[in-house]
Amino acid sequence: MADEKGIIVRFVIGGSANHGDSLDREIDNENRHTNDFLILDGQLEAPEESPKKMKSIFIHAVENWDAVFYAKVNDDVYVNIDIFFVNMPMMM
């Protein structure tokens, strides 16, 4: 999608409370193959940490990625990229 539409997608997660557990190892293994995870240092993955995580995501994005538009969606949301970009000029 990056080459075709100029869109880069990252799954942004915080660290596990049980650092180094089997879930951490599975994520590290998947990321070695896909390179589409961003693990925020110092950010615990927990519901009560959501506001802090959101702020950390956008700080990291602005500091590291030169983009015209940044978006954040939850993992249970489907985004139709083609329709999104047709409607985006109306949102700006």
PDB file of N, CA and C in Angstrom:
ATOM      1  N   MET A   1       0.815  -1.186   0.000  1.00  0.00           N
ATOM      2  CA  MET A   1       0.000   0.000   0.000  1.00  0.00           C
ATOM      3  C   MET A   1       0.865   1.258   0.000  1.00  0.00           C
ATOM      4  N   ALA A   2       2.047   1.184   0.573  1.00  0.00           N
ATOM      5  CA  ALA A   2       2.923   2.358   0.610  1.00  0.00           C
ATOM      6  C   ALA A   2       3.320   2.797  -0.796  1.00  0.00           C
ATOM      7  N   ASP A   3       3.693   1.851  -1.643  1.00  0.00           N
ATOM      8  CA  ASP A   3       4.102   2.199  -3.007  1.00  0.00           C
ATOM      9  C   ASP A   3       2.915   2.596  -3.874  1.00  0.00           C
ATOM     10  N   GLU A   4       1.811   1.886  -3.718  1.00  0.00           N
ATOM     11  CA  GLU A   4       0.644   2.110  -4.574  1.00  0.00           C
ATOM     12  C   GLU A   4      -0.107   3.393  -4.236  1.00  0.00           C
ATOM     13  N   LYS A   5      -0.314   3.647  -2.932  1.00  0.00           N
ATOM     14  CA  LYS A   5      -1.155   4.775  -2.528  1.00  0.00           C
ATOM     15  C   LYS A   5      -0.427   5.803  -1.671  1.00  0.00           C
ATOM     16  N   GLY A   6       0.814   5.509  -1.304  1.00  0.00           N
ATOM     17  CA  GLY A   6       1.547   6.431  -0.446  1.00  0.00           C
ATOM     18  C   GLY A   6       1.088   6.393   0.996  1.00  0.00           C
ATOM     19  N   ILE A   7       0.525   5.269   1.410  1.00  0.00           N
ATOM     20  CA  ILE A   7      -0.008   5.119   2.764  1.00  0.00           C
ATOM     21  C   ILE A   7       0.852   4.124   3.522  1.00  0.00           C
ATOM     22  N   ILE A   8       1.243   4.519   4.708  1.00  0.00           N
ATOM     23  CA  ILE A   8       2.011   3.627   5.569  1.00  0.00           C
ATOM     24  C   ILE A   8       1.166   3.330   6.798  1.00  0.00           C
ATOM     25  N   VAL A   9       1.011   2.052   7.104  1.00  0.00           N
ATOM     26  CA  VAL A   9       0.210   1.617   8.243  1.00  0.00           C
ATOM     27  C   VAL A   9       1.137   1.018   9.285  1.00  0.00           C
ATOM     28  N   ARG A  10       0.921   1.394  10.538  1.00  0.00           N
ATOM     29  CA  ARG A  10       1.675   0.826  11.647  1.00  0.00           C
ATOM     30  C   ARG A  10       0.706   0.416  12.742  1.00  0.00           C
ATOM     31  N   PHE A  11       0.963  -0.722  13.338  1.00  0.00           N
ATOM     32  CA  PHE A  11       0.228  -1.148  14.517  1.00  0.00           C
ATOM     33  C   PHE A  11       1.038  -0.663  15.709  1.00  0.00           C
ATOM     34  N   VAL A  12       0.461   0.237  16.485  1.00  0.00           N
ATOM     35  CA  VAL A  12       1.188   0.860  17.590  1.00  0.00           C
ATOM     36  C   VAL A  12       0.710   0.242  18.890  1.00  0.00           C
ATOM     37  N   ILE A  13       1.666  -0.288  19.645  1.00  0.00           N
ATOM     38  CA  ILE A  13       1.327  -0.925  20.909  1.00  0.00           C
ATOM     39  C   ILE A  13       2.284  -0.453  21.987  1.00  0.00           C
ATOM     40  N   GLY A  14       1.833  -0.590  23.206  1.00  0.00           N
ATOM     41  CA  GLY A  14       2.704  -0.343  24.347  1.00  0.00           C
ATOM     42  C   GLY A  14       3.362  -1.651  24.747  1.00  0.00           C
ATOM     43  N   GLY A  15       4.197  -1.576  25.738  1.00  0.00           N
ATOM     44  CA  GLY A  15       4.871  -2.768  26.216  1.00  0.00           C
ATOM     45  C   GLY A  15       3.971  -3.607  27.106  1.00  0.00           C
ATOM     46  N   SER A  16       4.319  -4.850  27.259  1.00  0.00           N
ATOM     47  CA  SER A  16       3.579  -5.775  28.105  1.00  0.00           C
ATOM     48  C   SER A  16       3.959  -5.569  29.564  1.00  0.00           C
ATOM     49  N   ALA A  17       2.991  -5.768  30.447  1.00  0.00           N
ATOM     50  CA  ALA A  17       3.280  -5.722  31.883  1.00  0.00           C
ATOM     51  C   ALA A  17       4.214  -6.866  32.262  1.00  0.00           C
ATOM     52  N   ASN A  18       4.172  -7.943  31.490  1.00  0.00           N
ATOM     53  CA  ASN A  18       5.046  -9.106  31.709  1.00  0.00           C
ATOM     54  C   ASN A  18       6.105  -9.132  30.619  1.00  0.00           C
ATOM     55  N   HIS A  19       6.973  -8.146  30.629  1.00  0.00           N
ATOM     56  CA  HIS A  19       7.979  -7.979  29.576  1.00  0.00           C
ATOM     57  C   HIS A  19       8.719  -9.282  29.298  1.00  0.00           C
ATOM     58  N   GLY A  20       8.770  -9.650  28.023  1.00  0.00           N
ATOM     59  CA  GLY A  20       9.489 -10.851  27.609  1.00  0.00           C
ATOM     60  C   GLY A  20       8.644 -12.111  27.621  1.00  0.00           C
ATOM     61  N   ASP A  21       7.341 -11.989  27.905  1.00  0.00           N
ATOM     62  CA  ASP A  21       6.492 -13.174  27.940  1.00  0.00           C
ATOM     63  C   ASP A  21       6.225 -13.693  26.523  1.00  0.00           C
ATOM     64  N   SER A  22       5.430 -14.746  26.427  1.00  0.00           N
ATOM     65  CA  SER A  22       5.201 -15.376  25.122  1.00  0.00           C
ATOM     66  C   SER A  22       4.515 -14.420  24.142  1.00  0.00           C
ATOM     67  N   LEU A  23       3.642 -13.548  24.628  1.00  0.00           N
ATOM     68  CA  LEU A  23       2.988 -12.581  23.741  1.00  0.00           C
ATOM     69  C   LEU A  23       4.009 -11.607  23.158  1.00  0.00           C
ATOM     70  N   ASP A  24       4.923 -11.121  23.985  1.00  0.00           N
ATOM     71  CA  ASP A  24       5.993 -10.245  23.491  1.00  0.00           C
ATOM     72  C   ASP A  24       6.823 -10.949  22.423  1.00  0.00           C
ATOM     73  N   ARG A  25       7.136 -12.204  22.658  1.00  0.00           N
ATOM     74  CA  ARG A  25       7.943 -12.950  21.690  1.00  0.00           C
ATOM     75  C   ARG A  25       7.189 -13.146  20.375  1.00  0.00           C
ATOM     76  N   GLU A  26       5.877 -13.405  20.456  1.00  0.00           N
ATOM     77  CA  GLU A  26       5.074 -13.561  19.240  1.00  0.00           C
ATOM     78  C   GLU A  26       5.031 -12.257  18.441  1.00  0.00           C
ATOM     79  N   ILE A  27       4.871 -11.144  19.129  1.00  0.00           N
ATOM     80  CA  ILE A  27       4.841  -9.844  18.450  1.00  0.00           C
ATOM     81  C   ILE A  27       6.191  -9.554  17.810  1.00  0.00           C
ATOM     82  N   ASP A  28       7.272  -9.801  18.541  1.00  0.00           N
ATOM     83  CA  ASP A  28       8.611  -9.584  17.980  1.00  0.00           C
ATOM     84  C   ASP A  28       8.828 -10.444  16.739  1.00  0.00           C
ATOM     85  N   ASN A  29       8.386 -11.693  16.791  1.00  0.00           N
ATOM     86  CA  ASN A  29       8.540 -12.598  15.653  1.00  0.00           C
ATOM     87  C   ASN A  29       7.731 -12.100  14.448  1.00  0.00           C
ATOM     88  N   GLU A  30       6.481 -11.709  14.680  1.00  0.00           N
ATOM     89  CA  GLU A  30       5.660 -11.193  13.577  1.00  0.00           C
ATOM     90  C   GLU A  30       6.270  -9.924  12.998  1.00  0.00           C
ATOM     91  N   ASN A  31       6.763  -9.047  13.863  1.00  0.00           N
ATOM     92  CA  ASN A  31       7.329  -7.782  13.398  1.00  0.00           C
ATOM     93  C   ASN A  31       8.597  -7.993  12.570  1.00  0.00           C
ATOM     94  N   ARG A  32       9.344  -9.037  12.869  1.00  0.00           N
ATOM     95  CA  ARG A  32      10.526  -9.339  12.047  1.00  0.00           C
ATOM     96  C   ARG A  32      10.112  -9.643  10.606  1.00  0.00           C
ATOM     97  N   HIS A  33       8.937 -10.226  10.433  1.00  0.00           N
ATOM     98  CA  HIS A  33       8.451 -10.581   9.091  1.00  0.00           C
ATOM     99  C   HIS A  33       7.725  -9.433   8.398  1.00  0.00           C
ATOM    100  N   THR A  34       6.980  -8.639   9.155  1.00  0.00           N
ATOM    101  CA  THR A  34       6.117  -7.626   8.547  1.00  0.00           C
ATOM    102  C   THR A  34       6.639  -6.201   8.690  1.00  0.00           C
ATOM    103  N   ASN A  35       7.416  -5.957   9.718  1.00  0.00           N
ATOM    104  CA  ASN A  35       7.955  -4.625  10.015  1.00  0.00           C
ATOM    105  C   ASN A  35       6.851  -3.554  10.045  1.00  0.00           C
ATOM    106  N   ASP A  36       5.704  -3.904  10.654  1.00  0.00           N
ATOM    107  CA  ASP A  36       4.607  -2.939  10.717  1.00  0.00           C
ATOM    108  C   ASP A  36       4.138  -2.643  12.144  1.00  0.00           C
ATOM    109  N   PHE A  37       4.964  -2.974  13.119  1.00  0.00           N
ATOM    110  CA  PHE A  37       4.655  -2.648  14.505  1.00  0.00           C
ATOM    111  C   PHE A  37       5.535  -1.502  14.976  1.00  0.00           C
ATOM    112  N   LEU A  38       4.972  -0.665  15.806  1.00  0.00           N
ATOM    113  CA  LEU A  38       5.729   0.329  16.551  1.00  0.00           C
ATOM    114  C   LEU A  38       5.426   0.064  18.011  1.00  0.00           C
ATOM    115  N   ILE A  39       6.437  -0.282  18.776  1.00  0.00           N
ATOM    116  CA  ILE A  39       6.267  -0.527  20.206  1.00  0.00           C
ATOM    117  C   ILE A  39       6.793   0.697  20.937  1.00  0.00           C
ATOM    118  N   LEU A  40       5.891   1.382  21.617  1.00  0.00           N
ATOM    119  CA  LEU A  40       6.249   2.621  22.307  1.00  0.00           C
ATOM    120  C   LEU A  40       7.021   2.310  23.582  1.00  0.00           C
ATOM    121  N   ASP A  41       8.241   2.797  23.657  1.00  0.00           N
ATOM    122  CA  ASP A  41       9.055   2.607  24.856  1.00  0.00           C
ATOM    123  C   ASP A  41       8.418   3.326  26.034  1.00  0.00           C
ATOM    124  N   GLY A  42       8.395   2.673  27.167  1.00  0.00           N
ATOM    125  CA  GLY A  42       7.886   3.299  28.378  1.00  0.00           C
ATOM    126  C   GLY A  42       6.378   3.418  28.429  1.00  0.00           C
ATOM    127  N   GLN A  43       5.697   2.814  27.479  1.00  0.00           N
ATOM    128  CA  GLN A  43       4.231   2.893  27.438  1.00  0.00           C
ATOM    129  C   GLN A  43       3.651   1.516  27.707  1.00  0.00           C
ATOM    130  N   LEU A  44       2.949   1.369  28.819  1.00  0.00           N
ATOM    131  CA  LEU A  44       2.325   0.103  29.172  1.00  0.00           C
ATOM    132  C   LEU A  44       1.029  -0.062  28.381  1.00  0.00           C
ATOM    133  N   GLU A  45       0.806  -1.243  27.859  1.00  0.00           N
ATOM    134  CA  GLU A  45      -0.427  -1.531  27.115  1.00  0.00           C
ATOM    135  C   GLU A  45      -1.503  -1.919  28.124  1.00  0.00           C
ATOM    136  N   ALA A  46      -2.340  -0.938  28.489  1.00  0.00           N
ATOM    137  CA  ALA A  46      -3.418  -1.148  29.454  1.00  0.00           C
ATOM    138  C   ALA A  46      -4.521  -0.134  29.176  1.00  0.00           C
ATOM    139  N   PRO A  47      -5.785  -0.511  29.418  1.00  0.00           N
ATOM    140  CA  PRO A  47      -6.899   0.411  29.117  1.00  0.00           C
ATOM    141  C   PRO A  47      -6.760   1.778  29.782  1.00  0.00           C
ATOM    142  N   GLU A  48      -6.304   1.811  31.009  1.00  0.00           N
ATOM    143  CA  GLU A  48      -6.179   3.095  31.713  1.00  0.00           C
ATOM    144  C   GLU A  48      -5.056   3.970  31.156  1.00  0.00           C
ATOM    145  N   GLU A  49      -4.229   3.412  30.296  1.00  0.00           N
ATOM    146  CA  GLU A  49      -3.121   4.150  29.685  1.00  0.00           C
ATOM    147  C   GLU A  49      -3.482   4.722  28.309  1.00  0.00           C
ATOM    148  N   SER A  50      -4.720   4.521  27.860  1.00  0.00           N
ATOM    149  CA  SER A  50      -5.117   4.937  26.507  1.00  0.00           C
ATOM    150  C   SER A  50      -4.865   6.411  26.195  1.00  0.00           C
ATOM    151  N   PRO A  51      -5.227   7.354  27.080  1.00  0.00           N
ATOM    152  CA  PRO A  51      -4.960   8.767  26.744  1.00  0.00           C
ATOM    153  C   PRO A  51      -3.468   9.065  26.574  1.00  0.00           C
ATOM    154  N   LYS A  52      -2.658   8.497  27.456  1.00  0.00           N
ATOM    155  CA  LYS A  52      -1.206   8.700  27.363  1.00  0.00           C
ATOM    156  C   LYS A  52      -0.664   8.059  26.077  1.00  0.00           C
ATOM    157  N   LYS A  53      -1.182   6.882  25.738  1.00  0.00           N
ATOM    158  CA  LYS A  53      -0.742   6.190  24.524  1.00  0.00           C
ATOM    159  C   LYS A  53      -1.086   7.013  23.284  1.00  0.00           C
ATOM    160  N   MET A  54      -2.302   7.559  23.245  1.00  0.00           N
ATOM    161  CA  MET A  54      -2.720   8.373  22.097  1.00  0.00           C
ATOM    162  C   MET A  54      -1.771   9.553  21.918  1.00  0.00           C
ATOM    163  N   LYS A  55      -1.456  10.233  22.995  1.00  0.00           N
ATOM    164  CA  LYS A  55      -0.535  11.372  22.923  1.00  0.00           C
ATOM    165  C   LYS A  55       0.837  10.910  22.432  1.00  0.00           C
ATOM    166  N   SER A  56       1.319   9.793  22.956  1.00  0.00           N
ATOM    167  CA  SER A  56       2.627   9.261  22.557  1.00  0.00           C
ATOM    168  C   SER A  56       2.666   8.891  21.079  1.00  0.00           C
ATOM    169  N   ILE A  57       1.564   8.340  20.578  1.00  0.00           N
ATOM    170  CA  ILE A  57       1.488   7.958  19.160  1.00  0.00           C
ATOM    171  C   ILE A  57       1.693   9.178  18.269  1.00  0.00           C
ATOM    172  N   PHE A  58       0.950  10.243  18.543  1.00  0.00           N
ATOM    173  CA  PHE A  58       1.031  11.420  17.677  1.00  0.00           C
ATOM    174  C   PHE A  58       2.351  12.165  17.838  1.00  0.00           C
ATOM    175  N   ILE A  59       2.904  12.189  19.038  1.00  0.00           N
ATOM    176  CA  ILE A  59       4.231  12.794  19.221  1.00  0.00           C
ATOM    177  C   ILE A  59       5.250  12.037  18.379  1.00  0.00           C
ATOM    178  N   HIS A  60       5.236  10.710  18.475  1.00  0.00           N
ATOM    179  CA  HIS A  60       6.177   9.897  17.700  1.00  0.00           C
ATOM    180  C   HIS A  60       5.966  10.109  16.198  1.00  0.00           C
ATOM    181  N   ALA A  61       4.719  10.116  15.765  1.00  0.00           N
ATOM    182  CA  ALA A  61       4.425  10.265  14.333  1.00  0.00           C
ATOM    183  C   ALA A  61       4.959  11.581  13.793  1.00  0.00           C
ATOM    184  N   VAL A  62       4.674  12.663  14.471  1.00  0.00           N
ATOM    185  CA  VAL A  62       5.101  13.983  13.990  1.00  0.00           C
ATOM    186  C   VAL A  62       6.624  14.110  14.006  1.00  0.00           C
ATOM    187  N   GLU A  63       7.260  13.539  15.024  1.00  0.00           N
ATOM    188  CA  GLU A  63       8.720  13.639  15.128  1.00  0.00           C
ATOM    189  C   GLU A  63       9.456  12.741  14.139  1.00  0.00           C
ATOM    190  N   ASN A  64       8.813  11.659  13.677  1.00  0.00           N
ATOM    191  CA  ASN A  64       9.534  10.663  12.883  1.00  0.00           C
ATOM    192  C   ASN A  64       9.053  10.469  11.453  1.00  0.00           C
ATOM    193  N   TRP A  65       7.830  10.862  11.151  1.00  0.00           N
ATOM    194  CA  TRP A  65       7.281  10.599   9.827  1.00  0.00           C
ATOM    195  C   TRP A  65       6.802  11.892   9.195  1.00  0.00           C
ATOM    196  N   ASP A  66       7.331  12.202   8.034  1.00  0.00           N
ATOM    197  CA  ASP A  66       6.917  13.385   7.299  1.00  0.00           C
ATOM    198  C   ASP A  66       5.649  13.037   6.528  1.00  0.00           C
ATOM    199  N   ALA A  67       4.527  13.551   6.994  1.00  0.00           N
ATOM    200  CA  ALA A  67       3.252  13.222   6.356  1.00  0.00           C
ATOM    201  C   ALA A  67       2.357  14.449   6.314  1.00  0.00           C
ATOM    202  N   VAL A  68       1.427  14.417   5.408  1.00  0.00           N
ATOM    203  CA  VAL A  68       0.426  15.474   5.305  1.00  0.00           C
ATOM    204  C   VAL A  68      -0.709  15.194   6.279  1.00  0.00           C
ATOM    205  N   PHE A  69      -0.993  13.924   6.509  1.00  0.00           N
ATOM    206  CA  PHE A  69      -2.153  13.531   7.293  1.00  0.00           C
ATOM    207  C   PHE A  69      -1.784  12.348   8.175  1.00  0.00           C
ATOM    208  N   TYR A  70      -2.193  12.381   9.439  1.00  0.00           N
ATOM    209  CA  TYR A  70      -2.015  11.267  10.373  1.00  0.00           C
ATOM    210  C   TYR A  70      -3.395  10.850  10.859  1.00  0.00           C
ATOM    211  N   ALA A  71      -3.603   9.571  11.034  1.00  0.00           N
ATOM    212  CA  ALA A  71      -4.881   9.079  11.552  1.00  0.00           C
ATOM    213  C   ALA A  71      -4.619   7.948  12.525  1.00  0.00           C
ATOM    214  N   LYS A  72      -5.531   7.797  13.455  1.00  0.00           N
ATOM    215  CA  LYS A  72      -5.459   6.698  14.412  1.00  0.00           C
ATOM    216  C   LYS A  72      -6.815   6.016  14.439  1.00  0.00           C
ATOM    217  N   VAL A  73      -6.819   4.721  14.286  1.00  0.00           N
ATOM    218  CA  VAL A  73      -8.051   3.945  14.413  1.00  0.00           C
ATOM    219  C   VAL A  73      -7.773   2.761  15.331  1.00  0.00           C
ATOM    220  N   ASN A  74      -8.816   2.257  15.944  1.00  0.00           N
ATOM    221  CA  ASN A  74      -8.675   1.087  16.805  1.00  0.00           C
ATOM    222  C   ASN A  74      -8.633  -0.179  15.970  1.00  0.00           C
ATOM    223  N   ASP A  75      -8.212  -1.261  16.596  1.00  0.00           N
ATOM    224  CA  ASP A  75      -8.028  -2.514  15.866  1.00  0.00           C
ATOM    225  C   ASP A  75      -9.340  -3.171  15.443  1.00  0.00           C
ATOM    226  N   ASP A  76     -10.470  -2.670  15.915  1.00  0.00           N
ATOM    227  CA  ASP A  76     -11.747  -3.247  15.515  1.00  0.00           C
ATOM    228  C   ASP A  76     -12.486  -2.365  14.501  1.00  0.00           C
ATOM    229  N   VAL A  77     -11.745  -1.481  13.837  1.00  0.00           N
ATOM    230  CA  VAL A  77     -12.325  -0.552  12.871  1.00  0.00           C
ATOM    231  C   VAL A  77     -11.787  -0.883  11.479  1.00  0.00           C
ATOM    232  N   TYR A  78     -12.685  -0.905  10.506  1.00  0.00           N
ATOM    233  CA  TYR A  78     -12.287  -1.117   9.116  1.00  0.00           C
ATOM    234  C   TYR A  78     -12.325   0.228   8.401  1.00  0.00           C
ATOM    235  N   VAL A  79     -11.250   0.582   7.746  1.00  0.00           N
ATOM    236  CA  VAL A  79     -11.187   1.830   6.991  1.00  0.00           C
ATOM    237  C   VAL A  79     -11.122   1.493   5.506  1.00  0.00           C
ATOM    238  N   ASN A  80     -12.074   1.994   4.745  1.00  0.00           N
ATOM    239  CA  ASN A  80     -12.050   1.840   3.297  1.00  0.00           C
ATOM    240  C   ASN A  80     -11.162   2.964   2.764  1.00  0.00           C
ATOM    241  N   ILE A  81      -9.917   2.639   2.462  1.00  0.00           N
ATOM    242  CA  ILE A  81      -8.916   3.636   2.078  1.00  0.00           C
ATOM    243  C   ILE A  81      -9.350   4.433   0.848  1.00  0.00           C
ATOM    244  N   ASP A  82      -9.893   3.764  -0.153  1.00  0.00           N
ATOM    245  CA  ASP A  82     -10.287   4.469  -1.378  1.00  0.00           C
ATOM    246  C   ASP A  82     -11.358   5.523  -1.102  1.00  0.00           C
ATOM    247  N   ILE A  83     -12.380   5.157  -0.352  1.00  0.00           N
ATOM    248  CA  ILE A  83     -13.445   6.117  -0.035  1.00  0.00           C
ATOM    249  C   ILE A  83     -12.922   7.211   0.883  1.00  0.00           C
ATOM    250  N   PHE A  84     -12.060   6.843   1.807  1.00  0.00           N
ATOM    251  CA  PHE A  84     -11.482   7.828   2.719  1.00  0.00           C
ATOM    252  C   PHE A  84     -10.782   8.941   1.938  1.00  0.00           C
ATOM    253  N   PHE A  85      -9.987   8.574   0.945  1.00  0.00           N
ATOM    254  CA  PHE A  85      -9.241   9.584   0.195  1.00  0.00           C
ATOM    255  C   PHE A  85     -10.106  10.367  -0.786  1.00  0.00           C
ATOM    256  N   VAL A  86     -11.215   9.794  -1.219  1.00  0.00           N
ATOM    257  CA  VAL A  86     -12.155  10.563  -2.037  1.00  0.00           C
ATOM    258  C   VAL A  86     -12.783  11.667  -1.185  1.00  0.00           C
ATOM    259  N   ASN A  87     -13.100  11.343   0.072  1.00  0.00           N
ATOM    260  CA  ASN A  87     -13.771  12.288   0.965  1.00  0.00           C
ATOM    261  C   ASN A  87     -12.821  13.193   1.739  1.00  0.00           C
ATOM    262  N   MET A  88     -11.547  12.881   1.779  1.00  0.00           N
ATOM    263  CA  MET A  88     -10.599  13.644   2.588  1.00  0.00           C
ATOM    264  C   MET A  88     -10.558  15.136   2.251  1.00  0.00           C
ATOM    265  N   PRO A  89     -10.590  15.546   0.986  1.00  0.00           N
ATOM    266  CA  PRO A  89     -10.565  16.997   0.718  1.00  0.00           C
ATOM    267  C   PRO A  89     -11.709  17.752   1.393  1.00  0.00           C
ATOM    268  N   MET A  90     -12.845  17.106   1.568  1.00  0.00           N
ATOM    269  CA  MET A  90     -13.972  17.753   2.239  1.00  0.00           C
ATOM    270  C   MET A  90     -13.737  17.887   3.741  1.00  0.00           C
ATOM    271  N   MET A  91     -12.854  17.053   4.300  1.00  0.00           N
ATOM    272  CA  MET A  91     -12.579  17.088   5.735  1.00  0.00           C
ATOM    273  C   MET A  91     -11.518  18.118   6.090  1.00  0.00           C
ATOM    274  N   MET A  92     -10.810  18.612   5.105  1.00  0.00           N
ATOM    275  CA  MET A  92      -9.700  19.519   5.395  1.00  0.00           C
ATOM    276  C   MET A  92     -10.102  20.967   5.259  1.00  0.00           C
TER     277      MET A  92
END
